[in-house]
N, C-alpha and C. Protein backbone atom coordinates (compact mmCIF):
# COMPACT_ATOMS: atom_id res chain seq x y z
N MET A 1 -56.60 -58.96 -36.84
CA MET A 1 -56.08 -57.69 -37.49
C MET A 1 -56.43 -57.85 -39.02
N ALA A 2 -56.96 -56.67 -39.39
CA ALA A 2 -57.28 -56.68 -40.93
C ALA A 2 -55.89 -56.56 -41.76
N ALA A 3 -55.98 -57.30 -42.90
CA ALA A 3 -54.86 -57.20 -43.76
C ALA A 3 -54.68 -55.83 -44.41
N PRO A 4 -53.45 -55.34 -44.47
CA PRO A 4 -53.31 -54.03 -45.05
C PRO A 4 -53.66 -53.91 -46.44
N LYS A 5 -54.24 -52.84 -46.84
CA LYS A 5 -54.81 -52.66 -48.20
C LYS A 5 -53.56 -52.53 -49.10
N LYS A 6 -53.82 -53.16 -50.23
CA LYS A 6 -52.74 -53.08 -51.29
C LYS A 6 -52.82 -51.71 -51.92
N GLU A 7 -51.72 -51.10 -52.16
CA GLU A 7 -51.68 -49.75 -52.73
C GLU A 7 -51.82 -49.98 -54.28
N LYS A 8 -52.75 -49.26 -54.81
CA LYS A 8 -52.89 -49.27 -56.29
C LYS A 8 -51.71 -48.73 -56.95
N PRO A 9 -51.21 -49.37 -58.07
CA PRO A 9 -50.02 -48.87 -58.79
C PRO A 9 -50.36 -47.53 -59.40
N ASN A 10 -49.44 -46.62 -59.27
CA ASN A 10 -49.47 -45.34 -59.92
C ASN A 10 -49.05 -45.54 -61.39
N LYS A 11 -50.07 -45.48 -62.29
CA LYS A 11 -49.72 -45.73 -63.70
C LYS A 11 -48.61 -44.76 -64.21
N GLN A 12 -48.76 -43.44 -63.84
CA GLN A 12 -47.75 -42.50 -64.28
C GLN A 12 -46.44 -42.75 -63.76
N LYS A 13 -46.36 -43.15 -62.47
CA LYS A 13 -45.10 -43.47 -61.82
C LYS A 13 -44.52 -44.70 -62.28
N ALA A 14 -45.26 -45.69 -62.57
CA ALA A 14 -44.83 -47.02 -62.94
C ALA A 14 -44.34 -46.94 -64.47
N GLY A 15 -44.98 -46.15 -65.33
CA GLY A 15 -44.77 -46.10 -66.71
C GLY A 15 -43.61 -45.01 -66.89
N LYS A 16 -42.77 -45.34 -67.81
CA LYS A 16 -41.68 -44.32 -68.13
C LYS A 16 -42.26 -43.08 -68.82
N ASN A 17 -41.64 -41.94 -68.68
CA ASN A 17 -41.95 -40.81 -69.55
C ASN A 17 -41.68 -41.32 -71.05
N GLN A 18 -42.76 -41.13 -71.81
CA GLN A 18 -42.64 -41.55 -73.19
C GLN A 18 -41.55 -40.82 -74.01
N TRP A 19 -41.28 -39.57 -73.56
CA TRP A 19 -40.21 -38.71 -74.20
C TRP A 19 -38.84 -38.97 -73.72
N GLU A 20 -38.69 -39.74 -72.68
CA GLU A 20 -37.39 -39.85 -72.01
C GLU A 20 -36.45 -40.73 -72.88
N ASP A 21 -35.28 -40.29 -73.08
CA ASP A 21 -34.31 -40.96 -73.84
C ASP A 21 -32.91 -40.74 -73.22
N HIS A 22 -31.94 -41.23 -73.85
CA HIS A 22 -30.45 -41.12 -73.24
C HIS A 22 -30.05 -39.67 -73.06
N LEU A 23 -30.57 -38.74 -73.92
CA LEU A 23 -30.22 -37.28 -73.81
C LEU A 23 -31.09 -36.68 -72.62
N THR A 24 -32.22 -37.06 -72.38
CA THR A 24 -33.00 -36.70 -71.29
C THR A 24 -32.22 -37.03 -69.92
N ARG A 25 -31.78 -38.29 -69.87
CA ARG A 25 -31.02 -38.74 -68.70
C ARG A 25 -29.75 -38.08 -68.61
N ARG A 26 -29.11 -37.76 -69.71
CA ARG A 26 -27.82 -37.07 -69.74
C ARG A 26 -27.92 -35.74 -69.19
N ALA A 27 -28.93 -35.01 -69.65
CA ALA A 27 -29.26 -33.61 -69.17
C ALA A 27 -29.45 -33.58 -67.71
N LYS A 28 -30.15 -34.47 -67.17
CA LYS A 28 -30.47 -34.57 -65.72
C LYS A 28 -29.23 -34.79 -65.04
N ALA A 29 -28.34 -35.66 -65.53
CA ALA A 29 -27.08 -35.86 -64.80
C ALA A 29 -26.06 -34.74 -64.84
N GLU A 30 -26.26 -33.98 -65.94
CA GLU A 30 -25.34 -32.79 -66.02
C GLU A 30 -26.05 -31.53 -65.58
N ASN A 31 -27.21 -31.68 -64.85
CA ASN A 31 -27.84 -30.58 -64.22
C ASN A 31 -28.41 -29.47 -65.16
N TYR A 32 -28.85 -29.97 -66.28
CA TYR A 32 -29.60 -29.19 -67.19
C TYR A 32 -31.08 -29.45 -67.14
N PRO A 33 -32.02 -28.52 -67.17
CA PRO A 33 -33.39 -28.79 -67.05
C PRO A 33 -34.01 -29.46 -68.23
N ALA A 34 -33.44 -29.44 -69.34
CA ALA A 34 -33.94 -30.07 -70.59
C ALA A 34 -32.90 -30.55 -71.59
N ARG A 35 -33.22 -31.57 -72.30
CA ARG A 35 -32.32 -32.09 -73.31
C ARG A 35 -32.02 -31.22 -74.51
N SER A 36 -32.83 -30.07 -74.55
CA SER A 36 -32.58 -29.15 -75.75
C SER A 36 -31.25 -28.48 -75.65
N VAL A 37 -30.59 -28.59 -74.54
CA VAL A 37 -29.21 -28.03 -74.44
C VAL A 37 -28.22 -28.62 -75.49
N TYR A 38 -28.42 -29.80 -75.78
CA TYR A 38 -27.55 -30.54 -76.73
C TYR A 38 -27.73 -30.09 -78.17
N LYS A 39 -28.87 -29.51 -78.50
CA LYS A 39 -29.06 -28.86 -79.85
C LYS A 39 -28.21 -27.64 -79.94
N LEU A 40 -28.16 -26.71 -78.82
CA LEU A 40 -27.33 -25.61 -78.85
C LEU A 40 -25.95 -26.02 -78.86
N GLU A 41 -25.57 -27.06 -78.09
CA GLU A 41 -24.15 -27.56 -78.09
C GLU A 41 -23.68 -27.85 -79.48
N GLU A 42 -24.43 -28.61 -80.28
CA GLU A 42 -24.10 -28.92 -81.55
C GLU A 42 -24.01 -27.82 -82.47
N ILE A 43 -24.93 -26.82 -82.33
CA ILE A 43 -24.86 -25.55 -83.18
C ILE A 43 -23.54 -24.82 -82.80
N GLN A 44 -23.31 -24.71 -81.64
CA GLN A 44 -22.08 -23.97 -81.16
C GLN A 44 -20.81 -24.64 -81.72
N ASN A 45 -20.78 -25.96 -81.65
CA ASN A 45 -19.52 -26.71 -82.04
C ASN A 45 -19.26 -26.54 -83.51
N LYS A 46 -20.46 -26.53 -84.29
CA LYS A 46 -20.26 -26.43 -85.72
C LYS A 46 -20.15 -25.03 -86.30
N PHE A 47 -20.85 -24.12 -85.68
CA PHE A 47 -20.88 -22.85 -86.24
C PHE A 47 -20.29 -21.66 -85.46
N ARG A 48 -19.91 -21.93 -84.18
CA ARG A 48 -19.30 -20.96 -83.32
C ARG A 48 -19.99 -19.65 -83.25
N VAL A 49 -21.26 -19.68 -82.88
CA VAL A 49 -22.08 -18.51 -82.84
C VAL A 49 -21.93 -17.59 -81.64
N MET A 50 -21.21 -18.15 -80.62
CA MET A 50 -20.92 -17.42 -79.40
C MET A 50 -19.47 -17.39 -79.01
N LYS A 51 -18.92 -16.44 -78.49
CA LYS A 51 -17.61 -16.45 -78.08
C LYS A 51 -17.46 -15.64 -76.70
N LYS A 52 -16.25 -15.72 -76.09
CA LYS A 52 -16.02 -15.23 -74.84
C LYS A 52 -16.35 -13.66 -74.79
N ASN A 53 -16.95 -13.24 -73.73
CA ASN A 53 -17.35 -11.88 -73.42
C ASN A 53 -18.46 -11.24 -74.30
N ASP A 54 -19.15 -12.19 -75.01
CA ASP A 54 -20.37 -11.75 -75.72
C ASP A 54 -21.53 -11.44 -74.92
N PHE A 55 -22.38 -10.63 -75.44
CA PHE A 55 -23.74 -10.44 -74.95
C PHE A 55 -24.77 -11.10 -75.80
N ILE A 56 -25.48 -11.99 -75.04
CA ILE A 56 -26.36 -12.95 -75.77
C ILE A 56 -27.81 -12.72 -75.31
N LEU A 57 -28.81 -12.65 -76.30
CA LEU A 57 -30.27 -12.73 -75.93
C LEU A 57 -30.88 -14.04 -76.29
N ASP A 58 -31.52 -14.65 -75.39
CA ASP A 58 -32.18 -15.86 -75.57
C ASP A 58 -33.79 -15.63 -75.51
N LEU A 59 -34.38 -15.91 -76.67
CA LEU A 59 -35.76 -15.74 -76.75
C LEU A 59 -36.41 -17.12 -76.63
N GLY A 60 -37.45 -17.11 -75.66
CA GLY A 60 -38.13 -18.41 -75.34
C GLY A 60 -37.11 -19.35 -74.54
N CYS A 61 -36.56 -18.73 -73.37
CA CYS A 61 -35.43 -19.28 -72.74
C CYS A 61 -35.91 -20.40 -71.75
N ALA A 62 -37.13 -20.56 -71.44
CA ALA A 62 -37.54 -21.46 -70.46
C ALA A 62 -37.44 -22.94 -71.06
N PRO A 63 -37.04 -23.89 -70.19
CA PRO A 63 -36.81 -23.84 -68.72
C PRO A 63 -35.37 -23.43 -68.35
N GLY A 64 -34.45 -23.16 -69.35
CA GLY A 64 -33.19 -22.47 -68.87
C GLY A 64 -31.96 -23.25 -69.38
N SER A 65 -32.03 -24.21 -70.09
CA SER A 65 -30.94 -25.03 -70.38
C SER A 65 -29.93 -24.16 -71.35
N TRP A 66 -30.54 -23.42 -72.36
CA TRP A 66 -29.75 -22.59 -73.18
C TRP A 66 -29.09 -21.49 -72.40
N LEU A 67 -29.65 -20.98 -71.41
CA LEU A 67 -29.18 -19.89 -70.65
C LEU A 67 -27.89 -20.38 -69.97
N LEU A 68 -27.92 -21.64 -69.36
CA LEU A 68 -26.76 -22.17 -68.59
C LEU A 68 -25.57 -22.44 -69.64
N TYR A 69 -26.06 -23.01 -70.76
CA TYR A 69 -24.91 -23.37 -71.69
C TYR A 69 -24.24 -22.15 -72.32
N ALA A 70 -25.14 -21.18 -72.61
CA ALA A 70 -24.57 -19.96 -73.21
C ALA A 70 -23.66 -19.18 -72.23
N ALA A 71 -24.08 -19.22 -70.92
CA ALA A 71 -23.38 -18.55 -69.80
C ALA A 71 -21.86 -19.14 -69.77
N LYS A 72 -21.77 -20.37 -69.94
CA LYS A 72 -20.42 -20.99 -69.94
C LYS A 72 -19.64 -20.63 -71.18
N GLN A 73 -20.27 -20.40 -72.35
CA GLN A 73 -19.55 -20.07 -73.50
C GLN A 73 -19.01 -18.61 -73.50
N VAL A 74 -19.73 -17.71 -72.83
CA VAL A 74 -19.33 -16.32 -72.87
C VAL A 74 -18.44 -16.00 -71.69
N GLY A 75 -18.40 -16.83 -70.70
CA GLY A 75 -17.51 -16.54 -69.50
C GLY A 75 -18.10 -15.53 -68.55
N ASN A 76 -17.35 -15.20 -67.61
CA ASN A 76 -17.76 -14.27 -66.54
C ASN A 76 -18.02 -12.80 -66.98
N GLN A 77 -17.16 -12.51 -68.01
CA GLN A 77 -17.32 -11.05 -68.58
C GLN A 77 -18.44 -10.97 -69.57
N GLY A 78 -18.93 -12.07 -70.01
CA GLY A 78 -20.08 -12.00 -70.92
C GLY A 78 -21.49 -11.82 -70.18
N ARG A 79 -22.41 -11.64 -70.89
CA ARG A 79 -23.80 -11.50 -70.20
C ARG A 79 -24.90 -12.18 -71.07
N ILE A 80 -25.75 -12.89 -70.40
CA ILE A 80 -26.92 -13.58 -71.02
C ILE A 80 -28.19 -12.98 -70.53
N PHE A 81 -29.08 -12.64 -71.45
CA PHE A 81 -30.34 -12.14 -71.10
C PHE A 81 -31.36 -13.08 -71.67
N GLY A 82 -32.43 -13.44 -70.87
CA GLY A 82 -33.45 -14.33 -71.35
C GLY A 82 -34.77 -13.80 -71.24
N ILE A 83 -35.70 -14.27 -72.08
CA ILE A 83 -37.14 -13.86 -71.95
C ILE A 83 -38.03 -14.85 -72.36
N ASP A 84 -39.11 -15.10 -71.68
CA ASP A 84 -39.98 -16.28 -71.91
C ASP A 84 -41.33 -15.94 -71.19
N LEU A 85 -42.31 -16.44 -71.82
CA LEU A 85 -43.72 -16.24 -71.29
C LEU A 85 -43.84 -17.08 -69.87
N ASN A 86 -43.01 -18.06 -69.76
CA ASN A 86 -42.92 -18.89 -68.60
C ASN A 86 -41.85 -18.53 -67.60
N PRO A 87 -41.98 -18.65 -66.35
CA PRO A 87 -40.89 -18.29 -65.53
C PRO A 87 -39.73 -19.22 -65.43
N ILE A 88 -38.59 -18.74 -65.30
CA ILE A 88 -37.40 -19.67 -65.03
C ILE A 88 -37.31 -20.04 -63.52
N GLU A 89 -37.31 -21.35 -63.30
CA GLU A 89 -37.39 -21.76 -61.99
C GLU A 89 -36.07 -22.42 -61.41
N ILE A 90 -35.06 -22.42 -62.30
CA ILE A 90 -33.64 -22.86 -61.81
C ILE A 90 -32.85 -21.72 -61.29
N GLN A 91 -31.83 -21.97 -60.66
CA GLN A 91 -30.85 -21.06 -60.15
C GLN A 91 -30.03 -20.65 -61.31
N LEU A 92 -29.73 -19.38 -61.60
CA LEU A 92 -28.95 -18.97 -62.76
C LEU A 92 -27.68 -18.35 -62.24
N PRO A 93 -26.61 -18.59 -63.16
CA PRO A 93 -25.42 -17.90 -62.83
C PRO A 93 -25.42 -16.33 -62.71
N ASP A 94 -24.45 -15.75 -62.14
CA ASP A 94 -24.38 -14.31 -61.83
C ASP A 94 -24.53 -13.50 -63.14
N ASN A 95 -23.97 -14.12 -64.32
CA ASN A 95 -23.95 -13.32 -65.41
C ASN A 95 -25.23 -13.58 -66.39
N VAL A 96 -26.28 -14.03 -65.78
CA VAL A 96 -27.47 -14.31 -66.51
C VAL A 96 -28.65 -13.62 -65.85
N VAL A 97 -29.53 -12.97 -66.69
CA VAL A 97 -30.76 -12.40 -66.22
C VAL A 97 -31.89 -12.94 -67.06
N ALA A 98 -32.99 -13.30 -66.40
CA ALA A 98 -34.12 -13.90 -67.28
C ALA A 98 -35.34 -13.21 -66.61
N ILE A 99 -36.26 -12.73 -67.62
CA ILE A 99 -37.49 -12.20 -67.18
C ILE A 99 -38.63 -12.99 -67.77
N LYS A 100 -39.86 -12.87 -67.21
CA LYS A 100 -41.08 -13.46 -67.65
C LYS A 100 -41.80 -12.30 -68.32
N ASP A 101 -41.92 -12.40 -69.65
CA ASP A 101 -42.50 -11.35 -70.39
C ASP A 101 -42.67 -11.81 -71.88
N ASN A 102 -43.34 -10.95 -72.75
CA ASN A 102 -43.52 -11.19 -74.05
C ASN A 102 -42.51 -10.57 -74.91
N ILE A 103 -41.95 -11.13 -75.92
CA ILE A 103 -40.92 -10.54 -76.73
C ILE A 103 -41.44 -9.30 -77.52
N LEU A 104 -42.79 -9.31 -77.62
CA LEU A 104 -43.34 -8.09 -78.28
C LEU A 104 -43.17 -6.83 -77.44
N ASN A 105 -42.92 -6.88 -76.11
CA ASN A 105 -42.70 -5.84 -75.32
C ASN A 105 -41.18 -5.40 -75.10
N LEU A 106 -40.39 -6.12 -75.89
CA LEU A 106 -38.87 -5.86 -75.73
C LEU A 106 -38.46 -4.48 -75.89
N ASP A 107 -39.05 -3.75 -76.91
CA ASP A 107 -38.60 -2.46 -77.17
C ASP A 107 -38.93 -1.51 -76.18
N ASN A 108 -39.78 -1.78 -75.25
CA ASN A 108 -40.12 -0.93 -74.09
C ASN A 108 -39.57 -1.44 -72.79
N ASP A 109 -38.81 -2.54 -72.80
CA ASP A 109 -38.50 -3.14 -71.56
C ASP A 109 -37.25 -2.62 -71.01
N SER A 110 -37.19 -2.23 -69.67
CA SER A 110 -36.12 -1.62 -69.09
C SER A 110 -34.91 -2.49 -68.92
N PHE A 111 -35.12 -3.80 -68.92
CA PHE A 111 -34.02 -4.70 -68.62
C PHE A 111 -33.05 -4.79 -69.79
N LEU A 112 -33.41 -4.15 -70.87
CA LEU A 112 -32.45 -4.09 -72.09
C LEU A 112 -31.91 -2.57 -72.22
N ASP A 113 -32.34 -1.71 -71.39
CA ASP A 113 -31.87 -0.34 -71.51
C ASP A 113 -30.41 -0.11 -71.47
N GLU A 114 -29.74 -0.89 -70.66
CA GLU A 114 -28.32 -0.72 -70.47
C GLU A 114 -27.41 -1.37 -71.57
N ASN A 115 -28.14 -1.94 -72.48
CA ASN A 115 -27.32 -2.52 -73.66
C ASN A 115 -27.54 -1.84 -74.99
N SER A 116 -26.44 -1.68 -75.65
CA SER A 116 -26.49 -1.04 -76.99
C SER A 116 -26.77 -2.13 -78.08
N GLY A 117 -26.63 -3.33 -77.76
CA GLY A 117 -26.98 -4.43 -78.63
C GLY A 117 -26.35 -5.73 -78.28
N PHE A 118 -26.75 -6.74 -78.92
CA PHE A 118 -26.18 -8.11 -78.67
C PHE A 118 -25.34 -8.71 -79.77
N ASN A 119 -24.39 -9.59 -79.37
CA ASN A 119 -23.57 -10.20 -80.38
C ASN A 119 -24.31 -11.37 -81.07
N THR A 120 -25.21 -12.01 -80.24
CA THR A 120 -25.85 -13.11 -80.82
C THR A 120 -27.32 -13.14 -80.13
N ILE A 121 -28.31 -13.48 -80.96
CA ILE A 121 -29.65 -13.65 -80.61
C ILE A 121 -30.11 -15.09 -80.93
N LEU A 122 -30.56 -15.82 -79.89
CA LEU A 122 -30.89 -17.27 -80.06
C LEU A 122 -32.43 -17.21 -79.89
N SER A 123 -33.08 -18.06 -80.67
CA SER A 123 -34.58 -18.25 -80.56
C SER A 123 -34.82 -19.66 -80.65
N ASP A 124 -35.30 -20.35 -79.56
CA ASP A 124 -35.69 -21.72 -79.63
C ASP A 124 -37.18 -21.69 -79.31
N MET A 125 -37.93 -20.58 -79.64
CA MET A 125 -39.33 -20.47 -79.48
C MET A 125 -40.06 -21.54 -80.29
N ALA A 126 -41.09 -22.05 -79.68
CA ALA A 126 -42.00 -23.04 -80.43
C ALA A 126 -43.45 -22.69 -79.99
N PRO A 127 -44.49 -22.77 -80.87
CA PRO A 127 -45.86 -22.66 -80.49
C PRO A 127 -46.43 -23.76 -79.67
N ALA A 128 -47.43 -23.59 -79.05
CA ALA A 128 -48.18 -24.74 -78.53
C ALA A 128 -48.73 -25.45 -79.62
N THR A 129 -48.31 -26.73 -79.80
CA THR A 129 -48.66 -27.52 -80.97
C THR A 129 -50.22 -27.96 -80.82
N THR A 130 -50.78 -28.09 -82.02
CA THR A 130 -52.19 -28.44 -82.13
C THR A 130 -52.25 -29.95 -82.75
N GLY A 131 -51.24 -30.35 -83.33
CA GLY A 131 -51.35 -31.71 -83.98
C GLY A 131 -51.58 -31.54 -85.49
N ARG A 132 -51.94 -30.42 -85.84
CA ARG A 132 -52.05 -30.07 -87.32
C ARG A 132 -50.79 -29.46 -87.81
N LYS A 133 -50.14 -30.14 -88.68
CA LYS A 133 -48.79 -29.73 -89.14
C LYS A 133 -48.81 -28.35 -89.86
N ASP A 134 -49.89 -27.99 -90.61
CA ASP A 134 -50.04 -26.72 -91.36
C ASP A 134 -50.18 -25.56 -90.21
N VAL A 135 -51.06 -25.75 -89.29
CA VAL A 135 -51.35 -24.71 -88.28
C VAL A 135 -50.12 -24.52 -87.38
N ASP A 136 -49.31 -25.72 -86.94
CA ASP A 136 -48.25 -25.58 -86.26
C ASP A 136 -47.10 -24.81 -86.95
N ALA A 137 -46.93 -25.15 -88.25
CA ALA A 137 -45.87 -24.46 -89.04
C ALA A 137 -46.22 -22.95 -89.21
N LEU A 138 -47.44 -22.65 -89.39
CA LEU A 138 -47.82 -21.21 -89.53
C LEU A 138 -47.55 -20.41 -88.24
N ARG A 139 -47.86 -21.03 -87.09
CA ARG A 139 -47.54 -20.38 -85.68
C ARG A 139 -46.07 -20.28 -85.50
N SER A 140 -45.28 -21.27 -86.01
CA SER A 140 -43.82 -21.24 -85.79
C SER A 140 -43.29 -20.00 -86.75
N PHE A 141 -43.84 -19.88 -87.95
CA PHE A 141 -43.41 -18.95 -88.81
C PHE A 141 -43.69 -17.51 -88.21
N GLU A 142 -44.83 -17.34 -87.50
CA GLU A 142 -45.16 -16.11 -86.86
C GLU A 142 -44.17 -15.75 -85.65
N LEU A 143 -43.81 -16.77 -85.01
CA LEU A 143 -42.88 -16.62 -83.96
C LEU A 143 -41.49 -16.26 -84.41
N CYS A 144 -41.01 -16.90 -85.52
CA CYS A 144 -39.77 -16.64 -86.16
C CYS A 144 -39.63 -15.21 -86.70
N ASN A 145 -40.79 -14.71 -87.27
CA ASN A 145 -40.80 -13.27 -87.76
C ASN A 145 -40.62 -12.36 -86.58
N MET A 146 -41.26 -12.77 -85.33
CA MET A 146 -40.98 -11.86 -84.24
C MET A 146 -39.60 -11.80 -83.86
N ALA A 147 -39.03 -13.06 -83.82
CA ALA A 147 -37.58 -13.13 -83.40
C ALA A 147 -36.63 -12.34 -84.44
N LEU A 148 -37.00 -12.39 -85.64
CA LEU A 148 -36.23 -11.73 -86.68
C LEU A 148 -36.37 -10.19 -86.45
N LYS A 149 -37.56 -9.78 -86.10
CA LYS A 149 -37.68 -8.31 -85.85
C LYS A 149 -36.92 -7.93 -84.69
N VAL A 150 -36.77 -8.74 -83.61
CA VAL A 150 -36.00 -8.46 -82.46
C VAL A 150 -34.48 -8.34 -82.91
N ALA A 151 -34.06 -9.25 -83.84
CA ALA A 151 -32.68 -9.19 -84.34
C ALA A 151 -32.45 -7.89 -85.15
N ASP A 152 -33.36 -7.49 -85.86
CA ASP A 152 -33.36 -6.25 -86.59
C ASP A 152 -33.11 -5.12 -85.64
N ASP A 153 -33.78 -5.11 -84.44
CA ASP A 153 -33.66 -3.96 -83.57
C ASP A 153 -32.48 -4.00 -82.62
N PHE A 154 -32.06 -5.30 -82.21
CA PHE A 154 -31.17 -5.43 -81.04
C PHE A 154 -29.79 -6.01 -81.33
N LEU A 155 -29.74 -6.69 -82.60
CA LEU A 155 -28.50 -7.31 -82.91
C LEU A 155 -27.44 -6.39 -83.47
N LEU A 156 -26.19 -6.49 -82.99
CA LEU A 156 -25.19 -5.54 -83.54
C LEU A 156 -24.77 -5.96 -84.93
N GLN A 157 -24.13 -5.10 -85.61
CA GLN A 157 -23.64 -5.34 -86.90
C GLN A 157 -22.62 -6.49 -86.85
N ASN A 158 -22.71 -7.43 -87.80
CA ASN A 158 -21.82 -8.65 -87.84
C ASN A 158 -22.31 -9.76 -86.78
N GLY A 159 -23.37 -9.38 -86.11
CA GLY A 159 -23.88 -10.32 -85.04
C GLY A 159 -24.51 -11.56 -85.72
N ASN A 160 -24.81 -12.60 -84.83
CA ASN A 160 -25.31 -13.86 -85.30
C ASN A 160 -26.71 -14.06 -84.80
N PHE A 161 -27.53 -14.87 -85.60
CA PHE A 161 -28.89 -15.11 -85.15
C PHE A 161 -29.06 -16.74 -85.40
N VAL A 162 -29.71 -17.30 -84.44
CA VAL A 162 -29.98 -18.76 -84.53
C VAL A 162 -31.52 -18.89 -84.14
N CYS A 163 -32.23 -19.63 -85.08
CA CYS A 163 -33.66 -19.49 -84.97
C CYS A 163 -34.30 -20.93 -85.39
N LYS A 164 -35.12 -21.40 -84.49
CA LYS A 164 -35.87 -22.65 -84.73
C LYS A 164 -37.12 -22.32 -85.50
N ILE A 165 -37.35 -23.09 -86.47
CA ILE A 165 -38.65 -22.99 -87.27
C ILE A 165 -39.10 -24.40 -87.58
N PHE A 166 -40.44 -24.55 -87.61
CA PHE A 166 -41.04 -25.86 -88.11
C PHE A 166 -41.15 -25.72 -89.56
N GLN A 167 -40.83 -26.84 -90.20
CA GLN A 167 -40.79 -26.75 -91.76
C GLN A 167 -42.31 -26.83 -92.23
N GLY A 168 -42.57 -25.92 -93.13
CA GLY A 168 -43.90 -25.81 -93.74
C GLY A 168 -43.87 -24.93 -94.95
N ASN A 169 -44.98 -24.44 -95.33
CA ASN A 169 -45.21 -23.70 -96.58
C ASN A 169 -44.31 -22.43 -96.59
N ASP A 170 -44.19 -21.78 -95.33
CA ASP A 170 -43.58 -20.42 -95.23
C ASP A 170 -42.11 -20.54 -94.97
N PHE A 171 -41.57 -21.71 -94.97
CA PHE A 171 -40.07 -21.92 -94.58
C PHE A 171 -39.18 -21.11 -95.55
N ASN A 172 -39.42 -21.32 -96.92
CA ASN A 172 -38.55 -20.69 -97.89
C ASN A 172 -38.61 -19.14 -97.78
N GLU A 173 -39.79 -18.67 -97.52
CA GLU A 173 -40.03 -17.23 -97.51
C GLU A 173 -39.19 -16.68 -96.30
N PHE A 174 -39.26 -17.36 -95.12
CA PHE A 174 -38.43 -16.87 -94.00
C PHE A 174 -37.03 -16.94 -94.23
N GLN A 175 -36.55 -18.10 -94.76
CA GLN A 175 -35.08 -18.29 -95.07
C GLN A 175 -34.60 -17.20 -96.02
N LYS A 176 -35.44 -16.86 -97.06
CA LYS A 176 -35.06 -15.74 -97.88
C LYS A 176 -34.96 -14.40 -97.25
N ASN A 177 -35.76 -14.16 -96.33
CA ASN A 177 -35.73 -12.91 -95.65
C ASN A 177 -34.54 -12.84 -94.62
N VAL A 178 -34.23 -14.00 -94.10
CA VAL A 178 -32.98 -14.03 -93.15
C VAL A 178 -31.71 -13.78 -94.07
N LYS A 179 -31.69 -14.39 -95.23
CA LYS A 179 -30.54 -14.22 -96.16
C LYS A 179 -30.27 -12.81 -96.60
N SER A 180 -31.38 -12.07 -96.72
CA SER A 180 -31.28 -10.74 -97.12
C SER A 180 -30.66 -9.85 -96.04
N LYS A 181 -30.57 -10.38 -94.86
CA LYS A 181 -30.07 -9.51 -93.69
C LYS A 181 -28.72 -9.86 -93.15
N PHE A 182 -28.31 -11.18 -93.52
CA PHE A 182 -27.10 -11.69 -93.09
C PHE A 182 -26.14 -12.20 -94.13
N LYS A 183 -24.80 -12.15 -93.93
CA LYS A 183 -23.87 -12.45 -94.92
C LYS A 183 -23.77 -14.00 -95.20
N GLU A 184 -24.10 -14.76 -94.11
CA GLU A 184 -24.19 -16.18 -94.24
C GLU A 184 -25.47 -16.76 -93.59
N CYS A 185 -25.96 -17.81 -94.23
CA CYS A 185 -27.21 -18.35 -93.73
C CYS A 185 -27.20 -19.92 -94.05
N LYS A 186 -27.26 -20.64 -93.04
CA LYS A 186 -27.24 -22.12 -93.28
C LYS A 186 -28.52 -22.81 -92.52
N ILE A 187 -28.84 -23.95 -93.05
CA ILE A 187 -29.92 -24.74 -92.46
C ILE A 187 -29.20 -25.87 -91.78
N PHE A 188 -29.73 -26.21 -90.50
CA PHE A 188 -29.09 -27.15 -89.71
C PHE A 188 -30.14 -27.85 -88.89
N LYS A 189 -30.06 -29.27 -88.90
CA LYS A 189 -30.85 -30.00 -87.97
C LYS A 189 -29.92 -30.86 -87.16
N PRO A 190 -29.87 -30.48 -85.82
CA PRO A 190 -28.93 -31.20 -84.94
C PRO A 190 -29.36 -32.68 -84.78
N ASP A 191 -28.36 -33.50 -84.56
CA ASP A 191 -28.67 -34.97 -84.37
C ASP A 191 -29.52 -35.06 -83.08
N SER A 192 -29.49 -34.25 -82.28
CA SER A 192 -30.22 -34.36 -80.91
C SER A 192 -31.72 -34.01 -81.04
N CYS A 193 -32.10 -33.48 -82.26
CA CYS A 193 -33.57 -33.32 -82.49
C CYS A 193 -34.26 -34.70 -82.58
N ARG A 194 -35.42 -34.75 -82.01
CA ARG A 194 -36.18 -36.01 -82.18
C ARG A 194 -36.43 -36.23 -83.59
N LYS A 195 -36.34 -37.52 -84.03
CA LYS A 195 -36.48 -37.90 -85.41
C LYS A 195 -37.76 -37.47 -86.03
N GLN A 196 -38.88 -37.59 -85.18
CA GLN A 196 -40.24 -37.36 -85.68
C GLN A 196 -40.49 -35.75 -85.82
N SER A 197 -39.58 -34.99 -85.24
CA SER A 197 -39.73 -33.52 -85.19
C SER A 197 -39.55 -32.82 -86.55
N LYS A 198 -40.43 -31.92 -86.77
CA LYS A 198 -40.36 -31.02 -87.99
C LYS A 198 -39.55 -29.76 -87.84
N GLU A 199 -38.91 -29.62 -86.59
CA GLU A 199 -38.11 -28.55 -86.35
C GLU A 199 -36.70 -28.62 -87.11
N ILE A 200 -36.35 -27.28 -87.48
CA ILE A 200 -34.99 -27.11 -88.06
C ILE A 200 -34.44 -25.80 -87.67
N TYR A 201 -33.18 -25.57 -87.76
CA TYR A 201 -32.63 -24.38 -87.21
C TYR A 201 -32.08 -23.58 -88.45
N ILE A 202 -32.32 -22.33 -88.48
CA ILE A 202 -31.59 -21.43 -89.39
C ILE A 202 -30.37 -20.71 -88.63
N ILE A 203 -29.25 -20.91 -89.16
CA ILE A 203 -28.00 -20.32 -88.52
C ILE A 203 -27.55 -19.17 -89.38
N ALA A 204 -27.71 -17.88 -88.93
CA ALA A 204 -27.36 -16.75 -89.69
C ALA A 204 -26.19 -16.01 -89.04
N LYS A 205 -25.13 -15.72 -89.87
CA LYS A 205 -23.89 -15.11 -89.26
C LYS A 205 -23.55 -13.85 -90.14
N GLY A 206 -23.21 -12.75 -89.37
CA GLY A 206 -22.67 -11.59 -89.92
C GLY A 206 -23.86 -10.65 -90.30
N LYS A 207 -24.50 -10.13 -89.41
CA LYS A 207 -25.68 -9.19 -89.75
C LYS A 207 -25.20 -8.07 -90.59
N LYS A 208 -25.83 -7.75 -91.64
CA LYS A 208 -25.43 -6.69 -92.63
C LYS A 208 -25.74 -5.28 -92.01
């Protein structure tokens, strides 16, 4: 009888995910699809950008961790709407609706027709990175301007805006623009951000 062939080790299987850390494992244990949920948790604990019965819009909502966390914050009477270029593949609570679309189409999109506005708009959007910090920062700046335009159009007076941006040459310009539209504007980097990341969050409260 011939000796059984030895199975070649699967390098990807044998090697750990280079990005896996304790927050990745915690997210999996708590049934969140990504560790990014803990960034929003830190933001909420510090700034209280969401409350019970709020209507929330989540821009760049895939893979869905922020949708799940926000749904818990607003309760059954609140509503969460999400939009992303990628589909949401997890099961969502009854008070959450997510669509696969481009935020540039929002002003024509029927899924927002029933709403007069949102209490909070969240944007965790990030560009496909190139490895060039200047290019990535510029692409992030462009996404942030899109998110701010959505806030202009759909955020209620006194509403809140949370936006991720990569630090770069245009950061100060964007911050100044946000400050002109809100009563409060803070810069915040959650502890759960990866140390090497250039991302930072602008937390704006009280739309003028």
